[in-house]
Amino acid sequence: MLGDSDYEYIYTVEPEEATKFYKIYEIKDGDKCGLLQSIKGDFSVEDAYSLFGQLIIQHLRGGRLIQNHKYDS
């Protein structure tokens, strides 16, 4: 996910955890395009990074965030 023009924000999620998004969004397993479109629709807002982090905390690994990075561009 991209922040404003000065920063790039990245969450890294283990593959076995990422598959849980299909169930969360009620998307057929393996439909990567459908999943990305659903995520894009929910998180195309200014505070997308924070909202996506909340989704990860609520649904993946009992709230354990895998990795969280912020890079200056």
N, C-alpha and C. Protein backbone atom coordinates (compact mmCIF):
# COMPACT_ATOMS: atom_id res chain seq x y z
N MET A 1 0.85 -1.17 0.00
CA MET A 1 0.00 0.00 0.00
C MET A 1 0.89 1.23 0.00
N LEU A 2 0.49 2.20 -0.72
CA LEU A 2 1.29 3.41 -0.78
C LEU A 2 0.67 4.50 0.09
N GLY A 3 1.51 5.20 0.83
CA GLY A 3 1.06 6.33 1.61
C GLY A 3 1.13 7.58 0.75
N ASP A 4 1.39 8.72 1.37
CA ASP A 4 1.53 9.94 0.58
C ASP A 4 2.82 9.86 -0.23
N SER A 5 3.16 10.91 -0.93
CA SER A 5 4.30 10.86 -1.84
C SER A 5 5.64 10.69 -1.14
N ASP A 6 5.70 10.87 0.18
CA ASP A 6 6.97 10.78 0.90
C ASP A 6 7.24 9.40 1.50
N TYR A 7 6.24 8.57 1.64
CA TYR A 7 6.41 7.31 2.34
C TYR A 7 5.76 6.15 1.59
N GLU A 8 6.33 4.99 1.77
CA GLU A 8 5.74 3.75 1.29
C GLU A 8 5.59 2.83 2.50
N TYR A 9 4.40 2.32 2.72
CA TYR A 9 4.12 1.48 3.87
C TYR A 9 3.87 0.06 3.37
N ILE A 10 4.42 -0.92 4.10
CA ILE A 10 4.29 -2.31 3.67
C ILE A 10 3.98 -3.21 4.86
N TYR A 11 2.98 -4.07 4.69
CA TYR A 11 2.75 -5.18 5.60
C TYR A 11 3.18 -6.43 4.88
N THR A 12 3.90 -7.31 5.55
CA THR A 12 4.27 -8.60 5.00
C THR A 12 3.56 -9.66 5.82
N VAL A 13 2.80 -10.52 5.14
CA VAL A 13 2.02 -11.55 5.80
C VAL A 13 2.45 -12.90 5.25
N GLU A 14 2.64 -13.87 6.13
CA GLU A 14 3.02 -15.21 5.69
C GLU A 14 1.95 -15.78 4.76
N PRO A 15 2.35 -16.54 3.72
CA PRO A 15 1.39 -17.06 2.74
C PRO A 15 0.23 -17.84 3.35
N GLU A 16 0.50 -18.68 4.34
CA GLU A 16 -0.59 -19.46 4.93
C GLU A 16 -1.58 -18.57 5.67
N GLU A 17 -1.13 -17.43 6.15
CA GLU A 17 -2.03 -16.47 6.78
C GLU A 17 -2.80 -15.68 5.73
N ALA A 18 -2.15 -15.36 4.63
CA ALA A 18 -2.79 -14.58 3.57
C ALA A 18 -3.99 -15.31 2.97
N THR A 19 -3.96 -16.64 2.96
CA THR A 19 -5.08 -17.39 2.39
C THR A 19 -6.38 -17.17 3.19
N LYS A 20 -6.26 -16.72 4.42
CA LYS A 20 -7.45 -16.46 5.24
C LYS A 20 -8.28 -15.31 4.68
N PHE A 21 -7.65 -14.45 3.88
CA PHE A 21 -8.40 -13.34 3.30
C PHE A 21 -9.50 -13.82 2.37
N TYR A 22 -9.32 -14.98 1.73
CA TYR A 22 -10.37 -15.51 0.85
C TYR A 22 -11.65 -15.75 1.65
N LYS A 23 -11.52 -16.32 2.83
CA LYS A 23 -12.69 -16.57 3.66
C LYS A 23 -13.28 -15.26 4.19
N ILE A 24 -12.42 -14.35 4.62
CA ILE A 24 -12.89 -13.06 5.14
C ILE A 24 -13.73 -12.34 4.10
N TYR A 25 -13.28 -12.35 2.85
CA TYR A 25 -13.98 -11.65 1.77
C TYR A 25 -14.95 -12.51 1.00
N GLU A 26 -15.09 -13.76 1.41
CA GLU A 26 -15.99 -14.71 0.75
C GLU A 26 -15.69 -14.81 -0.74
N ILE A 27 -14.39 -14.96 -1.03
CA ILE A 27 -13.89 -15.10 -2.39
C ILE A 27 -13.43 -16.54 -2.57
N LYS A 28 -13.66 -17.09 -3.78
CA LYS A 28 -13.22 -18.45 -4.08
C LYS A 28 -11.72 -18.56 -3.88
N ASP A 29 -11.28 -19.62 -3.17
CA ASP A 29 -9.85 -19.85 -2.94
C ASP A 29 -9.08 -19.79 -4.25
N GLY A 30 -8.00 -19.05 -4.25
CA GLY A 30 -7.14 -18.95 -5.42
C GLY A 30 -7.49 -17.83 -6.38
N ASP A 31 -8.63 -17.17 -6.19
CA ASP A 31 -9.02 -16.05 -7.07
C ASP A 31 -8.30 -14.78 -6.63
N LYS A 32 -7.02 -14.71 -6.97
CA LYS A 32 -6.19 -13.59 -6.53
C LYS A 32 -6.72 -12.24 -7.04
N CYS A 33 -7.16 -12.21 -8.29
CA CYS A 33 -7.66 -10.96 -8.86
C CYS A 33 -8.91 -10.50 -8.10
N GLY A 34 -9.83 -11.40 -7.84
CA GLY A 34 -11.04 -11.06 -7.09
C GLY A 34 -10.72 -10.59 -5.69
N LEU A 35 -9.76 -11.25 -5.06
CA LEU A 35 -9.36 -10.87 -3.71
C LEU A 35 -8.74 -9.48 -3.70
N LEU A 36 -7.82 -9.23 -4.64
CA LEU A 36 -7.18 -7.92 -4.70
C LEU A 36 -8.19 -6.81 -4.98
N GLN A 37 -9.17 -7.08 -5.83
CA GLN A 37 -10.21 -6.08 -6.11
C GLN A 37 -11.03 -5.79 -4.87
N SER A 38 -11.34 -6.81 -4.09
CA SER A 38 -12.10 -6.61 -2.85
C SER A 38 -11.30 -5.80 -1.84
N ILE A 39 -10.04 -6.15 -1.68
CA ILE A 39 -9.18 -5.42 -0.75
C ILE A 39 -9.03 -3.96 -1.22
N LYS A 40 -8.80 -3.78 -2.50
CA LYS A 40 -8.65 -2.43 -3.06
C LYS A 40 -9.90 -1.60 -2.78
N GLY A 41 -11.08 -2.19 -2.95
CA GLY A 41 -12.32 -1.47 -2.71
C GLY A 41 -12.48 -1.02 -1.27
N ASP A 42 -12.01 -1.83 -0.34
CA ASP A 42 -12.14 -1.50 1.08
C ASP A 42 -11.06 -0.55 1.57
N PHE A 43 -9.93 -0.53 0.92
CA PHE A 43 -8.79 0.20 1.46
C PHE A 43 -8.23 1.27 0.51
N SER A 44 -9.06 1.82 -0.32
CA SER A 44 -8.64 2.92 -1.20
C SER A 44 -9.02 4.25 -0.57
N VAL A 45 -8.55 4.44 0.64
CA VAL A 45 -8.84 5.66 1.40
C VAL A 45 -7.55 6.16 2.04
N GLU A 46 -7.58 7.37 2.56
CA GLU A 46 -6.38 7.99 3.12
C GLU A 46 -5.76 7.19 4.26
N ASP A 47 -6.58 6.61 5.12
CA ASP A 47 -6.06 5.85 6.27
C ASP A 47 -6.05 4.34 6.01
N ALA A 48 -5.83 3.97 4.75
CA ALA A 48 -5.85 2.56 4.35
C ALA A 48 -4.86 1.71 5.13
N TYR A 49 -3.68 2.22 5.34
CA TYR A 49 -2.64 1.44 6.03
C TYR A 49 -3.09 1.06 7.44
N SER A 50 -3.62 2.01 8.17
CA SER A 50 -4.09 1.75 9.53
C SER A 50 -5.27 0.79 9.53
N LEU A 51 -6.20 1.00 8.62
CA LEU A 51 -7.37 0.12 8.53
C LEU A 51 -6.97 -1.30 8.18
N PHE A 52 -6.04 -1.45 7.24
CA PHE A 52 -5.58 -2.78 6.87
C PHE A 52 -4.88 -3.45 8.04
N GLY A 53 -4.12 -2.69 8.79
CA GLY A 53 -3.47 -3.21 9.99
C GLY A 53 -4.49 -3.73 11.00
N GLN A 54 -5.59 -3.01 11.15
CA GLN A 54 -6.66 -3.46 12.05
C GLN A 54 -7.26 -4.77 11.57
N LEU A 55 -7.45 -4.91 10.25
CA LEU A 55 -7.98 -6.16 9.69
C LEU A 55 -7.03 -7.31 10.00
N ILE A 56 -5.74 -7.09 9.84
CA ILE A 56 -4.75 -8.13 10.14
C ILE A 56 -4.82 -8.51 11.62
N ILE A 57 -4.87 -7.53 12.49
CA ILE A 57 -4.91 -7.80 13.93
C ILE A 57 -6.16 -8.59 14.30
N GLN A 58 -7.27 -8.28 13.68
CA GLN A 58 -8.54 -8.96 14.01
C GLN A 58 -8.60 -10.39 13.49
N HIS A 59 -7.99 -10.66 12.33
CA HIS A 59 -8.25 -11.94 11.67
C HIS A 59 -7.07 -12.88 11.49
N LEU A 60 -5.85 -12.39 11.61
CA LEU A 60 -4.72 -13.26 11.34
C LEU A 60 -3.93 -13.55 12.60
N ARG A 61 -3.64 -14.81 12.83
CA ARG A 61 -2.79 -15.27 13.93
C ARG A 61 -3.21 -14.71 15.27
N GLY A 62 -4.49 -14.62 15.52
CA GLY A 62 -4.94 -14.14 16.82
C GLY A 62 -4.46 -12.75 17.14
N GLY A 63 -4.25 -11.94 16.11
CA GLY A 63 -3.86 -10.56 16.33
C GLY A 63 -2.38 -10.30 16.23
N ARG A 64 -1.57 -11.32 15.94
CA ARG A 64 -0.13 -11.10 15.83
C ARG A 64 0.21 -10.57 14.45
N LEU A 65 0.76 -9.38 14.41
CA LEU A 65 1.20 -8.77 13.15
C LEU A 65 2.50 -9.43 12.73
N ILE A 66 2.57 -9.86 11.49
CA ILE A 66 3.75 -10.58 11.02
C ILE A 66 4.93 -9.62 10.88
N GLN A 67 4.84 -8.62 10.02
CA GLN A 67 5.89 -7.62 9.87
C GLN A 67 5.23 -6.31 9.46
N ASN A 68 5.83 -5.22 9.85
CA ASN A 68 5.31 -3.90 9.55
C ASN A 68 6.50 -3.01 9.24
N HIS A 69 6.54 -2.44 8.03
CA HIS A 69 7.67 -1.64 7.59
C HIS A 69 7.20 -0.26 7.13
N LYS A 70 8.03 0.74 7.33
CA LYS A 70 7.80 2.06 6.77
C LYS A 70 9.11 2.51 6.14
N TYR A 71 9.05 2.87 4.87
CA TYR A 71 10.24 3.28 4.14
C TYR A 71 10.10 4.73 3.72
N ASP A 72 11.17 5.49 3.86
CA ASP A 72 11.21 6.84 3.28
C ASP A 72 11.55 6.69 1.82
N SER A 73 10.87 7.42 0.95
CA SER A 73 11.19 7.35 -0.47
C SER A 73 11.98 8.54 -0.93
